[in-house]
C-alpha atoms as a PDB file:
ATOM      1  CA  MET A   1     -12.247  32.600 -13.662  1.00  0.00           C
ATOM      2  CA  PRO A   2     -13.706  29.366 -14.707  1.00  0.00           C
ATOM      3  CA  ASN A   3     -14.493  26.871 -11.435  1.00  0.00           C
ATOM      4  CA  SER A   4     -12.254  24.634 -11.507  1.00  0.00           C
ATOM      5  CA  VAL A   5     -13.492  20.928 -10.485  1.00  0.00           C
ATOM      6  CA  LYS A   6     -11.189  18.450  -9.323  1.00  0.00           C
ATOM      7  CA  THR A   7     -11.259  15.087 -10.554  1.00  0.00           C
ATOM      8  CA  GLU A   8      -9.367  11.336  -8.365  1.00  0.00           C
ATOM      9  CA  HIS A   9      -6.580  11.925 -10.968  1.00  0.00           C
ATOM     10  CA  PRO A  10      -4.247  14.188  -9.815  1.00  0.00           C
ATOM     11  CA  HIS A  11      -3.201  17.047 -12.884  1.00  0.00           C
ATOM     12  CA  ILE A  12      -6.865  16.176 -14.066  1.00  0.00           C
ATOM     13  CA  VAL A  13      -9.742  18.661 -13.963  1.00  0.00           C
ATOM     14  CA  ARG A  14     -12.769  19.835 -15.830  1.00  0.00           C
ATOM     15  CA  LEU A  15     -12.800  23.252 -16.399  1.00  0.00           C
ATOM     16  CA  GLU A  16     -15.774  25.098 -16.548  1.00  0.00           C
ATOM     17  CA  GLY A  17     -16.202  26.512 -20.281  1.00  0.00           C
ATOM     18  CA  VAL A  18     -12.946  25.285 -20.998  1.00  0.00           C
ATOM     19  CA  CYS A  19     -12.760  22.690 -24.017  1.00  0.00           C
ATOM     20  CA  GLY A  20     -16.802  22.005 -23.862  1.00  0.00           C
ATOM     21  CA  GLY A  21     -16.011  20.919 -20.097  1.00  0.00           C
ATOM     22  CA  GLU A  22     -13.343  17.263 -20.808  1.00  0.00           C
ATOM     23  CA  PRO A  23     -11.324  17.091 -18.131  1.00  0.00           C
ATOM     24  CA  VAL A  24      -8.116  18.817 -19.121  1.00  0.00           C
ATOM     25  CA  ILE A  25      -4.337  18.813 -17.515  1.00  0.00           C
ATOM     26  CA  ASP A  26      -4.528  21.007 -14.845  1.00  0.00           C
ATOM     27  CA  GLY A  27      -3.196  24.594 -15.788  1.00  0.00           C
ATOM     28  CA  LEU A  28      -3.397  23.538 -19.139  1.00  0.00           C
ATOM     29  CA  ARG A  29      -5.915  23.355 -22.847  1.00  0.00           C
ATOM     30  CA  VAL A  30      -4.511  20.396 -22.743  1.00  0.00           C
ATOM     31  CA  THR A  31      -7.645  17.774 -22.752  1.00  0.00           C
ATOM     32  CA  VAL A  32      -7.747  12.985 -21.821  1.00  0.00           C
ATOM     33  CA  ARG A  33      -7.946  13.098 -24.932  1.00  0.00           C
ATOM     34  CA  HIS A  34      -5.899  13.758 -27.123  1.00  0.00           C
ATOM     35  CA  VAL A  35      -3.399  12.467 -24.648  1.00  0.00           C
ATOM     36  CA  VAL A  36      -5.118   8.926 -25.118  1.00  0.00           C
ATOM     37  CA  THR A  37      -5.570  10.104 -29.459  1.00  0.00           C
ATOM     38  CA  LEU A  38      -1.812  10.026 -29.247  1.00  0.00           C
ATOM     39  CA  HIS A  39      -1.462   6.681 -26.805  1.00  0.00           C
ATOM     40  CA  GLN A  40      -3.791   5.034 -29.550  1.00  0.00           C
ATOM     41  CA  ARG A  41      -1.167   5.772 -32.196  1.00  0.00           C
ATOM     42  CA  GLY A  42       0.839   4.267 -30.593  1.00  0.00           C
ATOM     43  CA  GLU A  43       3.165   7.451 -29.049  1.00  0.00           C
ATOM     44  CA  SER A  44       5.527   6.052 -26.442  1.00  0.00           C
ATOM     45  CA  ILE A  45       5.146   9.008 -23.067  1.00  0.00           C
ATOM     46  CA  VAL A  46       8.015  10.914 -23.960  1.00  0.00           C
ATOM     47  CA  ASP A  47       7.006  11.191 -27.158  1.00  0.00           C
ATOM     48  CA  MET A  48       3.241  12.529 -25.434  1.00  0.00           C
ATOM     49  CA  ALA A  49       4.863  14.248 -23.027  1.00  0.00           C
ATOM     50  CA  GLU A  50       7.145  16.008 -25.339  1.00  0.00           C
ATOM     51  CA  ALA A  51       4.569  17.233 -28.150  1.00  0.00           C
ATOM     52  CA  LEU A  52       1.497  18.261 -25.857  1.00  0.00           C
ATOM     53  CA  GLY A  53       3.705  20.128 -24.236  1.00  0.00           C
ATOM     54  CA  ILE A  54       3.303  18.431 -20.815  1.00  0.00           C
ATOM     55  CA  THR A  55       5.709  16.093 -18.388  1.00  0.00           C
ATOM     56  CA  GLU A  56       5.286  12.402 -18.309  1.00  0.00           C
ATOM     57  CA  ALA A  57       3.428  12.127 -15.152  1.00  0.00           C
ATOM     58  CA  GLN A  58       1.067  14.514 -16.574  1.00  0.00           C
ATOM     59  CA  VAL A  59       0.898  11.439 -19.433  1.00  0.00           C
ATOM     60  CA  PHE A  60       0.055   9.407 -16.612  1.00  0.00           C
ATOM     61  CA  HIS A  61      -2.292  10.789 -15.285  1.00  0.00           C
ATOM     62  CA  ALA A  62      -4.259  10.929 -17.991  1.00  0.00           C
ATOM     63  CA  LEU A  63      -4.370   8.006 -19.393  1.00  0.00           C
ATOM     64  CA  SER A  64      -5.093   6.639 -16.240  1.00  0.00           C
ATOM     65  CA  TYR A  65      -7.914   9.051 -16.141  1.00  0.00           C
ATOM     66  CA  PHE A  66      -8.824   7.294 -19.354  1.00  0.00           C
ATOM     67  CA  PHE A  67      -8.573   4.047 -17.986  1.00  0.00           C
ATOM     68  CA  ASP A  68     -11.014   4.560 -15.746  1.00  0.00           C
ATOM     69  CA  HIS A  69     -13.520   6.485 -17.859  1.00  0.00           C
ATOM     70  CA  ARG A  70     -12.866   4.837 -21.016  1.00  0.00           C
ATOM     71  CA  GLU A  71     -16.862   4.978 -22.359  1.00  0.00           C
ATOM     72  CA  GLU A  72     -16.681   8.655 -21.801  1.00  0.00           C
ATOM     73  CA  ILE A  73     -13.506   9.582 -23.092  1.00  0.00           C
ATOM     74  CA  LEU A  74     -14.475   7.285 -26.129  1.00  0.00           C
ATOM     75  CA  ALA A  75     -17.668   8.408 -26.502  1.00  0.00           C
ATOM     76  CA  VAL A  76     -15.847  12.143 -26.507  1.00  0.00           C
ATOM     77  CA  ILE A  77     -13.459  10.626 -29.420  1.00  0.00           C
ATOM     78  CA  ALA A  78     -15.685   9.149 -31.493  1.00  0.00           C
ATOM     79  CA  GLN A  79     -18.322  12.989 -31.562  1.00  0.00           C
ATOM     80  CA  GLU A  80     -14.899  14.279 -32.657  1.00  0.00           C
ATOM     81  CA  GLU A  81     -14.673  12.393 -35.470  1.00  0.00           C
ATOM     82  CA  GLN A  82     -17.300  12.667 -36.595  1.00  0.00           C
ATOM     83  CA  ALA A  83     -17.447  16.307 -36.627  1.00  0.00           C
ATOM     84  CA  HIS A  84     -14.409  15.370 -38.962  1.00  0.00           C
ATOM     85  CA  ALA A  85     -15.479  13.540 -41.051  1.00  0.00           C
ATOM     86  CA  ARG A  86     -18.387  16.037 -41.939  1.00  0.00           C
ATOM     87  CA  PHE A  87     -15.931  18.669 -43.143  1.00  0.00           C
ATOM     88  CA  THR A  88     -13.857  16.289 -44.677  1.00  0.00           C
ATOM     89  CA  ARG A  89     -15.773  15.124 -47.028  1.00  0.00           C
ATOM     90  CA  PRO A  90     -15.876  15.727 -50.786  1.00  0.00           C
END
């Protein structure tokens, strides 16, 4: 069983060996990055919760984590975008 590290945000943990150690919704493989990406696209709280199969409270806590750790999460998003760009080049 992976080592779980709780954060100061309810519902948000880090699990050793799960999703590269990114912060995730407790008990799921939904990363804070996933929630933030939908938020940046203008999705509503309800739509994000439905799309990811999580509760609205979990969405709020993921966004709260993001607002407290903006640089960390934006760096993870940038890395992900760079990785995708390598595979979509002609």
